[in-house]
Amino acid sequence: DSYLDTSSVIAELHKKQRILIMSDKTKRPRYIFYNDMALE
């Protein structure tokens, strides 16, 4: 119910490696995490 276009925003952030994704059995994002680039 947020103002975001959730699917496209999550896909774009994951492509840029800014977030990490945990998917369900259908390979749809279920949880998202912050990707700390300082550890890279």
ModelCIF file with pLDDT and N, C-alpha, C, O atoms, coordinates in Angstrom:
data_MODEL
#
_entry.id   MODEL 
#
_entity.id                         1 
_entity.type                       polymer 
_entity.pdbx_number_of_molecules   1 
#
_entity_poly.entity_id                      1 
_entity_poly.type                           'polypeptide(L)' 
_entity_poly.nstd_linkage                   no 
_entity_poly.nstd_monomer                   no 
_entity_poly.pdbx_seq_one_letter_code       DSYLDTSSVIAELHKKQRILIMSDKTKRPRYIFYNDMALE 
_entity_poly.pdbx_seq_one_letter_code_can   DSYLDTSSVIAELHKKQRILIMSDKTKRPRYIFYNDMALE 
_entity_poly.pdbx_strand_id                 A 
#
loop_
_entity_poly_seq.entity_id 
_entity_poly_seq.num 
_entity_poly_seq.mon_id 
_entity_poly_seq.hetero 
1 1  ASP n 
1 2  SER n 
1 3  TYR n 
1 4  LEU n 
1 5  ASP n 
1 6  THR n 
1 7  SER n 
1 8  SER n 
1 9  VAL n 
1 10 ILE n 
1 11 ALA n 
1 12 GLU n 
1 13 LEU n 
1 14 HIS n 
1 15 LYS n 
1 16 LYS n 
1 17 GLN n 
1 18 ARG n 
1 19 ILE n 
1 20 LEU n 
1 21 ILE n 
1 22 MET n 
1 23 SER n 
1 24 ASP n 
1 25 LYS n 
1 26 THR n 
1 27 LYS n 
1 28 ARG n 
1 29 PRO n 
1 30 ARG n 
1 31 TYR n 
1 32 ILE n 
1 33 PHE n 
1 34 TYR n 
1 35 ASN n 
1 36 ASP n 
1 37 MET n 
1 38 ALA n 
1 39 LEU n 
1 40 GLU n 
#
_struct_asym.id          A 
_struct_asym.entity_id   1 
#
loop_
_ma_qa_metric.id 
_ma_qa_metric.mode 
_ma_qa_metric.name 
_ma_qa_metric.software_group_id 
_ma_qa_metric.type 
1 global pLDDT . pLDDT 
2 local  pLDDT . pLDDT 
#
_ma_qa_metric_global.metric_id      1 
_ma_qa_metric_global.metric_value   87.83 
_ma_qa_metric_global.model_id       1 
_ma_qa_metric_global.ordinal_id     1 
#
loop_
_ma_qa_metric_local.label_asym_id 
_ma_qa_metric_local.label_comp_id 
_ma_qa_metric_local.label_seq_id 
_ma_qa_metric_local.metric_id 
_ma_qa_metric_local.metric_value 
_ma_qa_metric_local.model_id 
_ma_qa_metric_local.ordinal_id 
A ASP 1  2 80.00 1 1  
A SER 2  2 81.00 1 2  
A TYR 3  2 77.00 1 3  
A LEU 4  2 81.00 1 4  
A ASP 5  2 84.00 1 5  
A THR 6  2 88.00 1 6  
A SER 7  2 89.00 1 7  
A SER 8  2 91.00 1 8  
A VAL 9  2 92.00 1 9  
A ILE 10 2 92.00 1 10 
A ALA 11 2 92.00 1 11 
A GLU 12 2 93.00 1 12 
A LEU 13 2 93.00 1 13 
A HIS 14 2 93.00 1 14 
A LYS 15 2 92.00 1 15 
A LYS 16 2 91.00 1 16 
A GLN 17 2 90.00 1 17 
A ARG 18 2 91.00 1 18 
A ILE 19 2 90.00 1 19 
A LEU 20 2 92.00 1 20 
A ILE 21 2 92.00 1 21 
A MET 22 2 91.00 1 22 
A SER 23 2 90.00 1 23 
A ASP 24 2 88.00 1 24 
A LYS 25 2 88.00 1 25 
A THR 26 2 89.00 1 26 
A LYS 27 2 88.00 1 27 
A ARG 28 2 91.00 1 28 
A PRO 29 2 91.00 1 29 
A ARG 30 2 91.00 1 30 
A TYR 31 2 93.00 1 31 
A ILE 32 2 92.00 1 32 
A PHE 33 2 93.00 1 33 
A TYR 34 2 92.00 1 34 
A ASN 35 2 90.00 1 35 
A ASP 36 2 85.00 1 36 
A MET 37 2 78.00 1 37 
A ALA 38 2 73.00 1 38 
A LEU 39 2 73.00 1 39 
A GLU 40 2 73.00 1 40 
#
loop_
_atom_site.group_PDB 
_atom_site.id 
_atom_site.type_symbol 
_atom_site.label_atom_id 
_atom_site.label_alt_id 
_atom_site.label_comp_id 
_atom_site.label_asym_id 
_atom_site.label_entity_id 
_atom_site.label_seq_id 
_atom_site.pdbx_PDB_ins_code 
_atom_site.Cartn_x 
_atom_site.Cartn_y 
_atom_site.Cartn_z 
_atom_site.occupancy 
_atom_site.B_iso_or_equiv 
_atom_site.pdbx_formal_charge 
_atom_site.auth_seq_id 
_atom_site.auth_comp_id 
_atom_site.auth_asym_id 
_atom_site.auth_atom_id 
_atom_site.pdbx_PDB_model_num 
ATOM 1   N N  . ASP A 1 1  ? 0.813  -1.223  0.000   1.00 80.00 ? 1  ASP A N  1 
ATOM 2   C CA . ASP A 1 1  ? 0.000  0.000   0.000   1.00 80.00 ? 1  ASP A CA 1 
ATOM 3   C C  . ASP A 1 1  ? 0.845  1.272   0.000   1.00 80.00 ? 1  ASP A C  1 
ATOM 4   O O  . ASP A 1 1  ? 0.324  2.361   0.240   1.00 80.00 ? 1  ASP A O  1 
ATOM 5   N N  . SER A 1 2  ? 2.147  1.143   -0.268  1.00 81.00 ? 2  SER A N  1 
ATOM 6   C CA . SER A 1 2  ? 3.003  2.328   -0.324  1.00 81.00 ? 2  SER A CA 1 
ATOM 7   C C  . SER A 1 2  ? 2.849  3.003   -1.683  1.00 81.00 ? 2  SER A C  1 
ATOM 8   O O  . SER A 1 2  ? 2.142  2.510   -2.561  1.00 81.00 ? 2  SER A O  1 
ATOM 9   N N  . TYR A 1 3  ? 3.520  4.130   -1.836  1.00 77.00 ? 3  TYR A N  1 
ATOM 10  C CA . TYR A 1 3  ? 3.444  4.891   -3.082  1.00 77.00 ? 3  TYR A CA 1 
ATOM 11  C C  . TYR A 1 3  ? 4.405  4.364   -4.143  1.00 77.00 ? 3  TYR A C  1 
ATOM 12  O O  . TYR A 1 3  ? 4.464  4.909   -5.245  1.00 77.00 ? 3  TYR A O  1 
ATOM 13  N N  . LEU A 1 4  ? 5.156  3.314   -3.825  1.00 81.00 ? 4  LEU A N  1 
ATOM 14  C CA . LEU A 1 4  ? 6.153  2.789   -4.748  1.00 81.00 ? 4  LEU A CA 1 
ATOM 15  C C  . LEU A 1 4  ? 5.524  1.849   -5.774  1.00 81.00 ? 4  LEU A C  1 
ATOM 16  O O  . LEU A 1 4  ? 4.517  1.192   -5.512  1.00 81.00 ? 4  LEU A O  1 
ATOM 17  N N  . ASP A 1 5  ? 6.146  1.807   -6.934  1.00 84.00 ? 5  ASP A N  1 
ATOM 18  C CA . ASP A 1 5  ? 5.888  0.730   -7.885  1.00 84.00 ? 5  ASP A CA 1 
ATOM 19  C C  . ASP A 1 5  ? 6.825  -0.404  -7.478  1.00 84.00 ? 5  ASP A C  1 
ATOM 20  O O  . ASP A 1 5  ? 7.928  -0.538  -8.008  1.00 84.00 ? 5  ASP A O  1 
ATOM 21  N N  . THR A 1 6  ? 6.365  -1.218  -6.528  1.00 88.00 ? 6  THR A N  1 
ATOM 22  C CA . THR A 1 6  ? 7.243  -2.132  -5.796  1.00 88.00 ? 6  THR A CA 1 
ATOM 23  C C  . THR A 1 6  ? 8.061  -3.030  -6.706  1.00 88.00 ? 6  THR A C  1 
ATOM 24  O O  . THR A 1 6  ? 9.276  -3.138  -6.534  1.00 88.00 ? 6  THR A O  1 
ATOM 25  N N  . SER A 1 7  ? 7.425  -3.671  -7.663  1.00 89.00 ? 7  SER A N  1 
ATOM 26  C CA . SER A 1 7  ? 8.119  -4.665  -8.498  1.00 89.00 ? 7  SER A CA 1 
ATOM 27  C C  . SER A 1 7  ? 9.278  -4.037  -9.270  1.00 89.00 ? 7  SER A C  1 
ATOM 28  O O  . SER A 1 7  ? 10.393 -4.558  -9.250  1.00 89.00 ? 7  SER A O  1 
ATOM 29  N N  . SER A 1 8  ? 9.019  -2.931  -9.942  1.00 91.00 ? 8  SER A N  1 
ATOM 30  C CA . SER A 1 8  ? 10.056 -2.317  -10.765 1.00 91.00 ? 8  SER A CA 1 
ATOM 31  C C  . SER A 1 8  ? 11.177 -1.718  -9.918  1.00 91.00 ? 8  SER A C  1 
ATOM 32  O O  . SER A 1 8  ? 12.347 -1.802  -10.291 1.00 91.00 ? 8  SER A O  1 
ATOM 33  N N  . VAL A 1 9  ? 10.823 -1.112  -8.774  1.00 92.00 ? 9  VAL A N  1 
ATOM 34  C CA . VAL A 1 9  ? 11.846 -0.500  -7.915  1.00 92.00 ? 9  VAL A CA 1 
ATOM 35  C C  . VAL A 1 9  ? 12.769 -1.563  -7.335  1.00 92.00 ? 9  VAL A C  1 
ATOM 36  O O  . VAL A 1 9  ? 13.988 -1.387  -7.319  1.00 92.00 ? 9  VAL A O  1 
ATOM 37  N N  . ILE A 1 10 ? 12.192 -2.672  -6.856  1.00 92.00 ? 10 ILE A N  1 
ATOM 38  C CA . ILE A 1 10 ? 13.017 -3.743  -6.286  1.00 92.00 ? 10 ILE A CA 1 
ATOM 39  C C  . ILE A 1 10 ? 13.915 -4.352  -7.356  1.00 92.00 ? 10 ILE A C  1 
ATOM 40  O O  . ILE A 1 10 ? 15.085 -4.628  -7.094  1.00 92.00 ? 10 ILE A O  1 
ATOM 41  N N  . ALA A 1 11 ? 13.382 -4.564  -8.555  1.00 92.00 ? 11 ALA A N  1 
ATOM 42  C CA . ALA A 1 11 ? 14.192 -5.133  -9.635  1.00 92.00 ? 11 ALA A CA 1 
ATOM 43  C C  . ALA A 1 11 ? 15.355 -4.209  -10.003 1.00 92.00 ? 11 ALA A C  1 
ATOM 44  O O  . ALA A 1 11 ? 16.470 -4.673  -10.242 1.00 92.00 ? 11 ALA A O  1 
ATOM 45  N N  . GLU A 1 12 ? 15.092 -2.908  -10.047 1.00 93.00 ? 12 GLU A N  1 
ATOM 46  C CA . GLU A 1 12 ? 16.140 -1.958  -10.394 1.00 93.00 ? 12 GLU A CA 1 
ATOM 47  C C  . GLU A 1 12 ? 17.218 -1.885  -9.316  1.00 93.00 ? 12 GLU A C  1 
ATOM 48  O O  . GLU A 1 12 ? 18.408 -1.848  -9.631  1.00 93.00 ? 12 GLU A O  1 
ATOM 49  N N  . LEU A 1 13 ? 16.813 -1.863  -8.045  1.00 93.00 ? 13 LEU A N  1 
ATOM 50  C CA . LEU A 1 13 ? 17.794 -1.802  -6.962  1.00 93.00 ? 13 LEU A CA 1 
ATOM 51  C C  . LEU A 1 13 ? 18.624 -3.079  -6.885  1.00 93.00 ? 13 LEU A C  1 
ATOM 52  O O  . LEU A 1 13 ? 19.817 -3.033  -6.583  1.00 93.00 ? 13 LEU A O  1 
ATOM 53  N N  . HIS A 1 14 ? 17.998 -4.206  -7.155  1.00 93.00 ? 14 HIS A N  1 
ATOM 54  C CA . HIS A 1 14 ? 18.741 -5.473  -7.139  1.00 93.00 ? 14 HIS A CA 1 
ATOM 55  C C  . HIS A 1 14 ? 19.730 -5.530  -8.299  1.00 93.00 ? 14 HIS A C  1 
ATOM 56  O O  . HIS A 1 14 ? 20.827 -6.070  -8.154  1.00 93.00 ? 14 HIS A O  1 
ATOM 57  N N  . LYS A 1 15 ? 19.353 -4.985  -9.433  1.00 92.00 ? 15 LYS A N  1 
ATOM 58  C CA . LYS A 1 15 ? 20.257 -4.943  -10.584 1.00 92.00 ? 15 LYS A CA 1 
ATOM 59  C C  . LYS A 1 15 ? 21.477 -4.082  -10.280 1.00 92.00 ? 15 LYS A C  1 
ATOM 60  O O  . LYS A 1 15 ? 22.586 -4.389  -10.717 1.00 92.00 ? 15 LYS A O  1 
ATOM 61  N N  . LYS A 1 16 ? 21.269 -3.009  -9.531  1.00 91.00 ? 16 LYS A N  1 
ATOM 62  C CA . LYS A 1 16 ? 22.369 -2.121  -9.155  1.00 91.00 ? 16 LYS A CA 1 
ATOM 63  C C  . LYS A 1 16 ? 23.114 -2.608  -7.919  1.00 91.00 ? 16 LYS A C  1 
ATOM 64  O O  . LYS A 1 16 ? 24.030 -1.938  -7.442  1.00 91.00 ? 16 LYS A O  1 
ATOM 65  N N  . GLN A 1 17 ? 22.724 -3.786  -7.391  1.00 90.00 ? 17 GLN A N  1 
ATOM 66  C CA . GLN A 1 17 ? 23.356 -4.403  -6.221  1.00 90.00 ? 17 GLN A CA 1 
ATOM 67  C C  . GLN A 1 17 ? 23.254 -3.531  -4.968  1.00 90.00 ? 17 GLN A C  1 
ATOM 68  O O  . GLN A 1 17 ? 24.128 -3.572  -4.102  1.00 90.00 ? 17 GLN A O  1 
ATOM 69  N N  . ARG A 1 18 ? 22.186 -2.748  -4.880  1.00 91.00 ? 18 ARG A N  1 
ATOM 70  C CA . ARG A 1 18 ? 21.988 -1.922  -3.689  1.00 91.00 ? 18 ARG A CA 1 
ATOM 71  C C  . ARG A 1 18 ? 21.190 -2.663  -2.622  1.00 91.00 ? 18 ARG A C  1 
ATOM 72  O O  . ARG A 1 18 ? 21.221 -2.288  -1.450  1.00 91.00 ? 18 ARG A O  1 
ATOM 73  N N  . ILE A 1 19 ? 20.478 -3.709  -3.022  1.00 90.00 ? 19 ILE A N  1 
ATOM 74  C CA . ILE A 1 19 ? 19.739 -4.525  -2.066  1.00 90.00 ? 19 ILE A CA 1 
ATOM 75  C C  . ILE A 1 19 ? 19.973 -5.995  -2.390  1.00 90.00 ? 19 ILE A C  1 
ATOM 76  O O  . ILE A 1 19 ? 20.379 -6.355  -3.495  1.00 90.00 ? 19 ILE A O  1 
ATOM 77  N N  . LEU A 1 20 ? 19.706 -6.830  -1.391  1.00 92.00 ? 20 LEU A N  1 
ATOM 78  C CA . LEU A 1 20 ? 19.743 -8.285  -1.548  1.00 92.00 ? 20 LEU A CA 1 
ATOM 79  C C  . LEU A 1 20 ? 18.315 -8.809  -1.459  1.00 92.00 ? 20 LEU A C  1 
ATOM 80  O O  . LEU A 1 20 ? 17.482 -8.244  -0.750  1.00 92.00 ? 20 LEU A O  1 
ATOM 81  N N  . ILE A 1 21 ? 18.042 -9.874  -2.169  1.00 92.00 ? 21 ILE A N  1 
ATOM 82  C CA . ILE A 1 21 ? 16.684 -10.407 -2.257  1.00 92.00 ? 21 ILE A CA 1 
ATOM 83  C C  . ILE A 1 21 ? 16.659 -11.853 -1.793  1.00 92.00 ? 21 ILE A C  1 
ATOM 84  O O  . ILE A 1 21 ? 17.525 -12.653 -2.146  1.00 92.00 ? 21 ILE A O  1 
ATOM 85  N N  . MET A 1 22 ? 15.647 -12.173 -0.992  1.00 91.00 ? 22 MET A N  1 
ATOM 86  C CA . MET A 1 22 ? 15.346 -13.560 -0.663  1.00 91.00 ? 22 MET A CA 1 
ATOM 87  C C  . MET A 1 22 ? 13.999 -13.887 -1.311  1.00 91.00 ? 22 MET A C  1 
ATOM 88  O O  . MET A 1 22 ? 12.977 -13.289 -0.976  1.00 91.00 ? 22 MET A O  1 
ATOM 89  N N  . SER A 1 23 ? 14.014 -14.837 -2.238  1.00 90.00 ? 23 SER A N  1 
ATOM 90  C CA . SER A 1 23 ? 12.819 -15.141 -3.023  1.00 90.00 ? 23 SER A CA 1 
ATOM 91  C C  . SER A 1 23 ? 12.079 -16.345 -2.446  1.00 90.00 ? 23 SER A C  1 
ATOM 92  O O  . SER A 1 23 ? 12.617 -17.116 -1.652  1.00 90.00 ? 23 SER A O  1 
ATOM 93  N N  . ASP A 1 24 ? 10.811 -16.476 -2.879  1.00 88.00 ? 24 ASP A N  1 
ATOM 94  C CA . ASP A 1 24 ? 10.014 -17.623 -2.453  1.00 88.00 ? 24 ASP A CA 1 
ATOM 95  C C  . ASP A 1 24 ? 10.159 -18.735 -3.491  1.00 88.00 ? 24 ASP A C  1 
ATOM 96  O O  . ASP A 1 24 ? 11.026 -18.677 -4.362  1.00 88.00 ? 24 ASP A O  1 
ATOM 97  N N  . LYS A 1 25 ? 9.293  -19.752 -3.384  1.00 88.00 ? 25 LYS A N  1 
ATOM 98  C CA . LYS A 1 25 ? 9.388  -20.901 -4.291  1.00 88.00 ? 25 LYS A CA 1 
ATOM 99  C C  . LYS A 1 25 ? 9.102  -20.514 -5.730  1.00 88.00 ? 25 LYS A C  1 
ATOM 100 O O  . LYS A 1 25 ? 9.591  -21.162 -6.655  1.00 88.00 ? 25 LYS A O  1 
ATOM 101 N N  . THR A 1 26 ? 8.322  -19.475 -5.926  1.00 89.00 ? 26 THR A N  1 
ATOM 102 C CA . THR A 1 26 ? 7.989  -19.026 -7.284  1.00 89.00 ? 26 THR A CA 1 
ATOM 103 C C  . THR A 1 26 ? 8.998  -18.007 -7.807  1.00 89.00 ? 26 THR A C  1 
ATOM 104 O O  . THR A 1 26 ? 8.792  -17.407 -8.862  1.00 89.00 ? 26 THR A O  1 
ATOM 105 N N  . LYS A 1 27 ? 10.091 -17.814 -7.063  1.00 88.00 ? 27 LYS A N  1 
ATOM 106 C CA . LYS A 1 27 ? 11.167 -16.896 -7.438  1.00 88.00 ? 27 LYS A CA 1 
ATOM 107 C C  . LYS A 1 27 ? 10.726 -15.435 -7.428  1.00 88.00 ? 27 LYS A C  1 
ATOM 108 O O  . LYS A 1 27 ? 11.320 -14.593 -8.102  1.00 88.00 ? 27 LYS A O  1 
ATOM 109 N N  . ARG A 1 28 ? 9.694  -15.149 -6.669  1.00 91.00 ? 28 ARG A N  1 
ATOM 110 C CA . ARG A 1 28 ? 9.289  -13.752 -6.490  1.00 91.00 ? 28 ARG A CA 1 
ATOM 111 C C  . ARG A 1 28 ? 9.906  -13.214 -5.207  1.00 91.00 ? 28 ARG A C  1 
ATOM 112 O O  . ARG A 1 28 ? 10.000 -13.954 -4.228  1.00 91.00 ? 28 ARG A O  1 
ATOM 113 N N  . PRO A 1 29 ? 10.328 -11.955 -5.175  1.00 91.00 ? 29 PRO A N  1 
ATOM 114 C CA . PRO A 1 29 ? 10.946 -11.394 -3.962  1.00 91.00 ? 29 PRO A CA 1 
ATOM 115 C C  . PRO A 1 29 ? 10.008 -11.484 -2.760  1.00 91.00 ? 29 PRO A C  1 
ATOM 116 O O  . PRO A 1 29 ? 8.856  -11.054 -2.818  1.00 91.00 ? 29 PRO A O  1 
ATOM 117 N N  . ARG A 1 30 ? 10.522 -12.048 -1.679  1.00 91.00 ? 30 ARG A N  1 
ATOM 118 C CA . ARG A 1 30 ? 9.737  -12.165 -0.450  1.00 91.00 ? 30 ARG A CA 1 
ATOM 119 C C  . ARG A 1 30 ? 10.282 -11.245 0.636   1.00 91.00 ? 30 ARG A C  1 
ATOM 120 O O  . ARG A 1 30 ? 9.512  -10.589 1.338   1.00 91.00 ? 30 ARG A O  1 
ATOM 121 N N  . TYR A 1 31 ? 11.604 -11.193 0.779   1.00 93.00 ? 31 TYR A N  1 
ATOM 122 C CA . TYR A 1 31 ? 12.261 -10.286 1.724   1.00 93.00 ? 31 TYR A CA 1 
ATOM 123 C C  . TYR A 1 31 ? 13.374 -9.542  0.981   1.00 93.00 ? 31 TYR A C  1 
ATOM 124 O O  . TYR A 1 31 ? 13.994 -10.078 0.063   1.00 93.00 ? 31 TYR A O  1 
ATOM 125 N N  . ILE A 1 32 ? 13.607 -8.311  1.395   1.00 92.00 ? 32 ILE A N  1 
ATOM 126 C CA . ILE A 1 32 ? 14.703 -7.536  0.828   1.00 92.00 ? 32 ILE A CA 1 
ATOM 127 C C  . ILE A 1 32 ? 15.589 -7.032  1.966   1.00 92.00 ? 32 ILE A C  1 
ATOM 128 O O  . ILE A 1 32 ? 15.106 -6.748  3.062   1.00 92.00 ? 32 ILE A O  1 
ATOM 129 N N  . PHE A 1 33 ? 16.892 -6.925  1.693   1.00 93.00 ? 33 PHE A N  1 
ATOM 130 C CA . PHE A 1 33 ? 17.887 -6.526  2.687   1.00 93.00 ? 33 PHE A CA 1 
ATOM 131 C C  . PHE A 1 33 ? 18.794 -5.451  2.096   1.00 93.00 ? 33 PHE A C  1 
ATOM 132 O O  . PHE A 1 33 ? 18.968 -5.351  0.881   1.00 93.00 ? 33 PHE A O  1 
ATOM 133 N N  . TYR A 1 34 ? 19.354 -4.665  2.978   1.00 92.00 ? 34 TYR A N  1 
ATOM 134 C CA . TYR A 1 34 ? 20.321 -3.653  2.554   1.00 92.00 ? 34 TYR A CA 1 
ATOM 135 C C  . TYR A 1 34 ? 21.641 -4.332  2.229   1.00 92.00 ? 34 TYR A C  1 
ATOM 136 O O  . TYR A 1 34 ? 22.123 -5.162  2.999   1.00 92.00 ? 34 TYR A O  1 
ATOM 137 N N  . ASN A 1 35 ? 22.216 -3.986  1.106   1.00 90.00 ? 35 ASN A N  1 
ATOM 138 C CA . ASN A 1 35 ? 23.501 -4.547  0.692   1.00 90.00 ? 35 ASN A CA 1 
ATOM 139 C C  . ASN A 1 35 ? 24.599 -3.539  1.023   1.00 90.00 ? 35 ASN A C  1 
ATOM 140 O O  . ASN A 1 35 ? 24.760 -2.524  0.345   1.00 90.00 ? 35 ASN A O  1 
ATOM 141 N N  . ASP A 1 36 ? 25.345 -3.842  2.072   1.00 85.00 ? 36 ASP A N  1 
ATOM 142 C CA . ASP A 1 36 ? 26.413 -2.947  2.524   1.00 85.00 ? 36 ASP A CA 1 
ATOM 143 C C  . ASP A 1 36 ? 27.611 -3.090  1.590   1.00 85.00 ? 36 ASP A C  1 
ATOM 144 O O  . ASP A 1 36 ? 28.354 -4.068  1.664   1.00 85.00 ? 36 ASP A O  1 
ATOM 145 N N  . MET A 1 37 ? 27.789 -2.120  0.724   1.00 78.00 ? 37 MET A N  1 
ATOM 146 C CA . MET A 1 37 ? 28.873 -2.188  -0.253  1.00 78.00 ? 37 MET A CA 1 
ATOM 147 C C  . MET A 1 37 ? 30.247 -2.047  0.389   1.00 78.00 ? 37 MET A C  1 
ATOM 148 O O  . MET A 1 37 ? 31.259 -2.363  -0.236  1.00 78.00 ? 37 MET A O  1 
ATOM 149 N N  . ALA A 1 38 ? 30.290 -1.568  1.651   1.00 73.00 ? 38 ALA A N  1 
ATOM 150 C CA . ALA A 1 38 ? 31.590 -1.454  2.330   1.00 73.00 ? 38 ALA A CA 1 
ATOM 151 C C  . ALA A 1 38 ? 32.212 -2.821  2.568   1.00 73.00 ? 38 ALA A C  1 
ATOM 152 O O  . ALA A 1 38 ? 33.426 -2.934  2.737   1.00 73.00 ? 38 ALA A O  1 
ATOM 153 N N  . LEU A 1 39 ? 31.381 -3.862  2.581   1.00 73.00 ? 39 LEU A N  1 
ATOM 154 C CA . LEU A 1 39 ? 31.899 -5.222  2.777   1.00 73.00 ? 39 LEU A CA 1 
ATOM 155 C C  . LEU A 1 39 ? 32.370 -5.855  1.479   1.00 73.00 ? 39 LEU A C  1 
ATOM 156 O O  . LEU A 1 39 ? 32.941 -6.946  1.481   1.00 73.00 ? 39 LEU A O  1 
ATOM 157 N N  . GLU A 1 40 ? 32.131 -5.169  0.373   1.00 73.00 ? 40 GLU A N  1 
ATOM 158 C CA . GLU A 1 40 ? 32.566 -5.682  -0.924  1.00 73.00 ? 40 GLU A CA 1 
ATOM 159 C C  . GLU A 1 40 ? 33.998 -5.220  -1.189  1.00 73.00 ? 40 GLU A C  1 
ATOM 160 O O  . GLU A 1 40 ? 34.567 -5.541  -2.233  1.00 73.00 ? 40 GLU A O  1 
#
